[in-house]
Amino acid sequence: MSLDRPIAPDPYELLPTVASFTLTSDDVRNGEPMDATYAHGSVGGDNVSPQLAWSGFPAETRGFVVTCFDPDAPTGSGFWHWVLVNLPAGVTRLPRGAAGDDLGGAFAVRNDYGDRGYGGAAPPAGDRPHRYVFAVHALDVAGLDVGPDVPPAQVGFNLAFHTLARAVIRPTYQVRE
């Protein structure tokens, strides 16, 4: 059952251009399929966030936000899998399974599953491979003026005004029929 629809644009192509820096992972690779470890339990995955590390961000960076978004979800608005807000500027690595609450005051807002924290990949069975856009946003402020109860779109709106640079990895995931 492949959903017949055009491929959605990358969400960051629609925003003002910002500088980039380097994002790497021991667990996921740009353009390559993710392991089920990083998929949601509803599709047989372990629902574990991948390890991420970043470098080369602007010297004036005062904080970070980490997000994961599926622009290919059949919702009309994509699907937010992870929004980790207000990481201190000194945090440049997240271990596999990072929770956020042990990272210097950072917190996760509710993802589109309704949970705080990482929610793994879960595209519809038989659909084409979905892109999972893991992004680290370098901020010109120590933290966004948002609380843990705001929706991901509100974090994204605030990011538009405070992002100095962005680093992205886009692995894929597919559930076969």
C-alpha atoms as a PDB file:
ATOM      1  CA  MET A   1       0.000   0.000   0.000  1.00  0.00           C
ATOM      2  CA  SER A   2       2.128   2.870  -1.192  1.00  0.00           C
ATOM      3  CA  LEU A   3       0.621   6.270  -0.564  1.00  0.00           C
ATOM      4  CA  ASP A   4       0.566   8.060  -3.909  1.00  0.00           C
ATOM      5  CA  ARG A   5       1.626  11.617  -3.147  1.00  0.00           C
ATOM      6  CA  PRO A   6       4.478  13.933  -4.082  1.00  0.00           C
ATOM      7  CA  ILE A   7       7.631  14.050  -1.999  1.00  0.00           C
ATOM      8  CA  ALA A   8       7.413  16.895   0.511  1.00  0.00           C
ATOM      9  CA  PRO A   9      10.118  19.571   0.457  1.00  0.00           C
ATOM     10  CA  ASP A  10      12.807  19.527   3.094  1.00  0.00           C
ATOM     11  CA  PRO A  11      11.406  21.805   5.836  1.00  0.00           C
ATOM     12  CA  TYR A  12      14.604  23.857   6.050  1.00  0.00           C
ATOM     13  CA  GLU A  13      14.446  24.726   2.354  1.00  0.00           C
ATOM     14  CA  LEU A  14      11.371  26.813   3.190  1.00  0.00           C
ATOM     15  CA  LEU A  15      13.085  28.915   5.873  1.00  0.00           C
ATOM     16  CA  PRO A  16      15.636  31.708   5.567  1.00  0.00           C
ATOM     17  CA  THR A  17      19.119  30.397   4.783  1.00  0.00           C
ATOM     18  CA  VAL A  18      21.511  30.138   7.730  1.00  0.00           C
ATOM     19  CA  ALA A  19      25.114  28.989   8.046  1.00  0.00           C
ATOM     20  CA  SER A  20      25.808  25.292   8.494  1.00  0.00           C
ATOM     21  CA  PHE A  21      28.115  23.228  10.675  1.00  0.00           C
ATOM     22  CA  THR A  22      28.914  19.537  11.083  1.00  0.00           C
ATOM     23  CA  LEU A  23      26.558  16.938  12.574  1.00  0.00           C
ATOM     24  CA  THR A  24      27.739  13.334  12.849  1.00  0.00           C
ATOM     25  CA  SER A  25      26.362  10.142  14.353  1.00  0.00           C
ATOM     26  CA  ASP A  26      27.687   6.707  15.176  1.00  0.00           C
ATOM     27  CA  ASP A  27      24.137   5.411  14.674  1.00  0.00           C
ATOM     28  CA  VAL A  28      22.509   7.047  11.633  1.00  0.00           C
ATOM     29  CA  ARG A  29      23.872   8.200   8.265  1.00  0.00           C
ATOM     30  CA  ASN A  30      22.666  10.791   5.804  1.00  0.00           C
ATOM     31  CA  GLY A  31      20.465   9.179   3.134  1.00  0.00           C
ATOM     32  CA  GLU A  32      20.826   5.667   4.556  1.00  0.00           C
ATOM     33  CA  PRO A  33      18.190   3.479   6.263  1.00  0.00           C
ATOM     34  CA  MET A  34      18.092   3.587  10.075  1.00  0.00           C
ATOM     35  CA  ASP A  35      18.213   0.447  12.159  1.00  0.00           C
ATOM     36  CA  ALA A  36      14.999  -0.608  13.955  1.00  0.00           C
ATOM     37  CA  THR A  37      16.684   0.457  17.202  1.00  0.00           C
ATOM     38  CA  TYR A  38      15.651   4.037  16.314  1.00  0.00           C
ATOM     39  CA  ALA A  39      12.108   3.149  15.189  1.00  0.00           C
ATOM     40  CA  HIS A  40       8.988   3.419  17.330  1.00  0.00           C
ATOM     41  CA  GLY A  41       7.677   0.420  19.269  1.00  0.00           C
ATOM     42  CA  SER A  42       4.475   0.471  17.199  1.00  0.00           C
ATOM     43  CA  VAL A  43       6.493  -0.838  14.223  1.00  0.00           C
ATOM     44  CA  GLY A  44       8.668  -3.221  16.250  1.00  0.00           C
ATOM     45  CA  GLY A  45      11.473  -0.788  17.037  1.00  0.00           C
ATOM     46  CA  ASP A  46      13.230  -0.014  20.297  1.00  0.00           C
ATOM     47  CA  ASN A  47      12.357   3.721  20.300  1.00  0.00           C
ATOM     48  CA  VAL A  48      15.911   4.808  21.200  1.00  0.00           C
ATOM     49  CA  SER A  49      17.295   8.165  20.079  1.00  0.00           C
ATOM     50  CA  PRO A  50      20.528   7.932  18.070  1.00  0.00           C
ATOM     51  CA  GLN A  51      23.882   9.253  19.234  1.00  0.00           C
ATOM     52  CA  LEU A  52      24.610  12.713  17.776  1.00  0.00           C
ATOM     53  CA  ALA A  53      27.688  14.969  17.903  1.00  0.00           C
ATOM     54  CA  TRP A  54      28.284  18.405  16.389  1.00  0.00           C
ATOM     55  CA  SER A  55      31.164  20.782  15.775  1.00  0.00           C
ATOM     56  CA  GLY A  56      32.124  23.840  13.771  1.00  0.00           C
ATOM     57  CA  PHE A  57      29.176  25.969  14.927  1.00  0.00           C
ATOM     58  CA  PRO A  58      29.589  29.761  15.205  1.00  0.00           C
ATOM     59  CA  ALA A  59      31.699  31.032  18.106  1.00  0.00           C
ATOM     60  CA  GLU A  60      28.834  33.253  19.276  1.00  0.00           C
ATOM     61  CA  THR A  61      26.528  30.232  19.827  1.00  0.00           C
ATOM     62  CA  ARG A  62      24.848  30.479  23.235  1.00  0.00           C
ATOM     63  CA  GLY A  63      22.678  27.342  23.168  1.00  0.00           C
ATOM     64  CA  PHE A  64      21.228  24.550  21.014  1.00  0.00           C
ATOM     65  CA  VAL A  65      17.937  22.921  20.091  1.00  0.00           C
ATOM     66  CA  VAL A  66      17.832  19.388  18.629  1.00  0.00           C
ATOM     67  CA  THR A  67      14.870  18.296  16.507  1.00  0.00           C
ATOM     68  CA  CYS A  68      13.747  15.313  14.446  1.00  0.00           C
ATOM     69  CA  PHE A  69      11.015  15.797  11.854  1.00  0.00           C
ATOM     70  CA  ASP A  70       9.444  13.526   9.211  1.00  0.00           C
ATOM     71  CA  PRO A  71       8.360  15.718   6.258  1.00  0.00           C
ATOM     72  CA  ASP A  72       7.007  12.618   4.460  1.00  0.00           C
ATOM     73  CA  ALA A  73       4.334  11.731   7.044  1.00  0.00           C
ATOM     74  CA  PRO A  74       0.858  11.624   5.456  1.00  0.00           C
ATOM     75  CA  THR A  75      -0.490  14.435   7.637  1.00  0.00           C
ATOM     76  CA  GLY A  76      -0.238  17.582   5.530  1.00  0.00           C
ATOM     77  CA  SER A  77       2.077  19.050   8.157  1.00  0.00           C
ATOM     78  CA  GLY A  78       4.752  16.387   8.677  1.00  0.00           C
ATOM     79  CA  PHE A  79       5.403  14.722  12.032  1.00  0.00           C
ATOM     80  CA  TRP A  80       7.605  15.925  14.910  1.00  0.00           C
ATOM     81  CA  HIS A  81       9.494  13.022  16.496  1.00  0.00           C
ATOM     82  CA  TRP A  82      11.749  14.965  18.860  1.00  0.00           C
ATOM     83  CA  VAL A  83      12.168  18.549  20.033  1.00  0.00           C
ATOM     84  CA  LEU A  84      14.882  18.921  22.678  1.00  0.00           C
ATOM     85  CA  VAL A  85      15.037  22.554  23.780  1.00  0.00           C
ATOM     86  CA  ASN A  86      17.620  24.738  25.539  1.00  0.00           C
ATOM     87  CA  LEU A  87      20.736  22.617  25.503  1.00  0.00           C
ATOM     88  CA  PRO A  88      23.633  24.612  26.970  1.00  0.00           C
ATOM     89  CA  ALA A  89      26.331  25.804  24.547  1.00  0.00           C
ATOM     90  CA  GLY A  90      28.810  23.433  26.191  1.00  0.00           C
ATOM     91  CA  VAL A  91      26.793  20.350  25.207  1.00  0.00           C
ATOM     92  CA  THR A  92      28.015  19.169  21.802  1.00  0.00           C
ATOM     93  CA  ARG A  93      27.099  15.503  21.986  1.00  0.00           C
ATOM     94  CA  LEU A  94      24.062  13.419  22.868  1.00  0.00           C
ATOM     95  CA  PRO A  95      24.548   9.772  23.773  1.00  0.00           C
ATOM     96  CA  ARG A  96      22.317   7.074  22.328  1.00  0.00           C
ATOM     97  CA  GLY A  97      19.072   7.133  24.313  1.00  0.00           C
ATOM     98  CA  ALA A  98      19.496  10.733  25.536  1.00  0.00           C
ATOM     99  CA  ALA A  99      16.588  11.842  27.693  1.00  0.00           C
ATOM    100  CA  GLY A 100      17.348  15.544  27.895  1.00  0.00           C
ATOM    101  CA  ASP A 101      16.406  15.992  31.547  1.00  0.00           C
ATOM    102  CA  ASP A 102      20.002  15.262  32.560  1.00  0.00           C
ATOM    103  CA  LEU A 103      21.507  17.793  30.137  1.00  0.00           C
ATOM    104  CA  GLY A 104      21.892  21.052  32.033  1.00  0.00           C
ATOM    105  CA  GLY A 105      18.296  22.199  32.141  1.00  0.00           C
ATOM    106  CA  ALA A 106      17.298  21.103  28.643  1.00  0.00           C
ATOM    107  CA  PHE A 107      13.809  19.681  28.192  1.00  0.00           C
ATOM    108  CA  ALA A 108      11.727  18.018  25.508  1.00  0.00           C
ATOM    109  CA  VAL A 109       8.353  19.325  24.408  1.00  0.00           C
ATOM    110  CA  ARG A 110       5.648  16.889  23.405  1.00  0.00           C
ATOM    111  CA  ASN A 111       6.276  15.201  20.080  1.00  0.00           C
ATOM    112  CA  ASP A 112       3.419  14.374  17.720  1.00  0.00           C
ATOM    113  CA  TYR A 113       2.891  11.057  19.535  1.00  0.00           C
ATOM    114  CA  GLY A 114       1.955  13.184  22.556  1.00  0.00           C
ATOM    115  CA  ASP A 115       5.032  12.139  24.556  1.00  0.00           C
ATOM    116  CA  ARG A 116       7.916  14.213  25.867  1.00  0.00           C
ATOM    117  CA  GLY A 117      11.167  12.915  24.455  1.00  0.00           C
ATOM    118  CA  TYR A 118      12.181  10.952  21.413  1.00  0.00           C
ATOM    119  CA  GLY A 119       9.549   9.076  19.404  1.00  0.00           C
ATOM    120  CA  GLY A 120      11.059   6.811  16.779  1.00  0.00           C
ATOM    121  CA  ALA A 121      10.283   6.380  13.099  1.00  0.00           C
ATOM    122  CA  ALA A 122       6.944   4.760  12.246  1.00  0.00           C
ATOM    123  CA  PRO A 123       5.927   5.347   8.640  1.00  0.00           C
ATOM    124  CA  PRO A 124       2.822   3.550   7.343  1.00  0.00           C
ATOM    125  CA  ALA A 125       3.547  -0.041   6.278  1.00  0.00           C
ATOM    126  CA  GLY A 126       4.220  -0.247   2.565  1.00  0.00           C
ATOM    127  CA  ASP A 127       4.850   3.475   2.131  1.00  0.00           C
ATOM    128  CA  ARG A 128       8.040   4.667   0.455  1.00  0.00           C
ATOM    129  CA  PRO A 129      11.070   5.366   2.690  1.00  0.00           C
ATOM    130  CA  HIS A 130      10.502   8.411   4.882  1.00  0.00           C
ATOM    131  CA  ARG A 131      13.212  10.989   5.609  1.00  0.00           C
ATOM    132  CA  TYR A 132      13.935  11.734   9.259  1.00  0.00           C
ATOM    133  CA  VAL A 133      15.500  15.178   9.481  1.00  0.00           C
ATOM    134  CA  PHE A 134      17.693  15.313  12.592  1.00  0.00           C
ATOM    135  CA  ALA A 135      18.778  18.931  13.062  1.00  0.00           C
ATOM    136  CA  VAL A 136      20.901  20.772  15.594  1.00  0.00           C
ATOM    137  CA  HIS A 137      20.144  24.486  15.697  1.00  0.00           C
ATOM    138  CA  ALA A 138      22.866  26.813  17.064  1.00  0.00           C
ATOM    139  CA  LEU A 139      21.165  29.723  18.846  1.00  0.00           C
ATOM    140  CA  ASP A 140      22.044  33.364  19.478  1.00  0.00           C
ATOM    141  CA  VAL A 141      20.398  33.043  22.921  1.00  0.00           C
ATOM    142  CA  ALA A 142      21.076  30.705  25.842  1.00  0.00           C
ATOM    143  CA  GLY A 143      17.534  29.374  25.627  1.00  0.00           C
ATOM    144  CA  LEU A 144      14.272  29.918  23.837  1.00  0.00           C
ATOM    145  CA  ASP A 145      11.537  31.616  25.831  1.00  0.00           C
ATOM    146  CA  VAL A 146       9.235  28.586  25.721  1.00  0.00           C
ATOM    147  CA  GLY A 147       8.074  26.043  28.253  1.00  0.00           C
ATOM    148  CA  PRO A 148       7.657  22.276  28.058  1.00  0.00           C
ATOM    149  CA  ASP A 149       3.963  22.534  27.203  1.00  0.00           C
ATOM    150  CA  VAL A 150       4.316  24.420  23.915  1.00  0.00           C
ATOM    151  CA  PRO A 151       3.763  22.526  20.662  1.00  0.00           C
ATOM    152  CA  PRO A 152       6.722  21.769  18.372  1.00  0.00           C
ATOM    153  CA  ALA A 153       5.506  24.362  15.851  1.00  0.00           C
ATOM    154  CA  GLN A 154       5.895  27.105  18.474  1.00  0.00           C
ATOM    155  CA  VAL A 155       9.485  26.011  19.089  1.00  0.00           C
ATOM    156  CA  GLY A 156      10.027  26.087  15.320  1.00  0.00           C
ATOM    157  CA  PHE A 157       8.595  29.595  15.111  1.00  0.00           C
ATOM    158  CA  ASN A 158      11.020  30.783  17.808  1.00  0.00           C
ATOM    159  CA  LEU A 159      13.907  29.006  16.079  1.00  0.00           C
ATOM    160  CA  ALA A 160      13.273  31.096  12.967  1.00  0.00           C
ATOM    161  CA  PHE A 161      14.336  34.203  14.906  1.00  0.00           C
ATOM    162  CA  HIS A 162      17.263  32.773  16.902  1.00  0.00           C
ATOM    163  CA  THR A 163      19.063  30.249  14.675  1.00  0.00           C
ATOM    164  CA  LEU A 164      22.615  31.288  13.765  1.00  0.00           C
ATOM    165  CA  ALA A 165      23.430  28.019  12.009  1.00  0.00           C
ATOM    166  CA  ARG A 166      21.988  24.551  11.501  1.00  0.00           C
ATOM    167  CA  ALA A 167      23.477  21.078  11.028  1.00  0.00           C
ATOM    168  CA  VAL A 168      21.383  18.258   9.579  1.00  0.00           C
ATOM    169  CA  ILE A 169      21.473  14.482   9.008  1.00  0.00           C
ATOM    170  CA  ARG A 170      18.632  12.884   7.014  1.00  0.00           C
ATOM    171  CA  PRO A 171      18.494   9.085   7.443  1.00  0.00           C
ATOM    172  CA  THR A 172      15.491   7.148   6.155  1.00  0.00           C
ATOM    173  CA  TYR A 173      13.181   4.441   7.454  1.00  0.00           C
ATOM    174  CA  GLN A 174      10.640   2.182   5.770  1.00  0.00           C
ATOM    175  CA  VAL A 175       8.220  -0.454   7.042  1.00  0.00           C
ATOM    176  CA  ARG A 176       7.661  -3.106   4.409  1.00  0.00           C
ATOM    177  CA  GLU A 177       4.211  -4.683   4.018  1.00  0.00           C
END
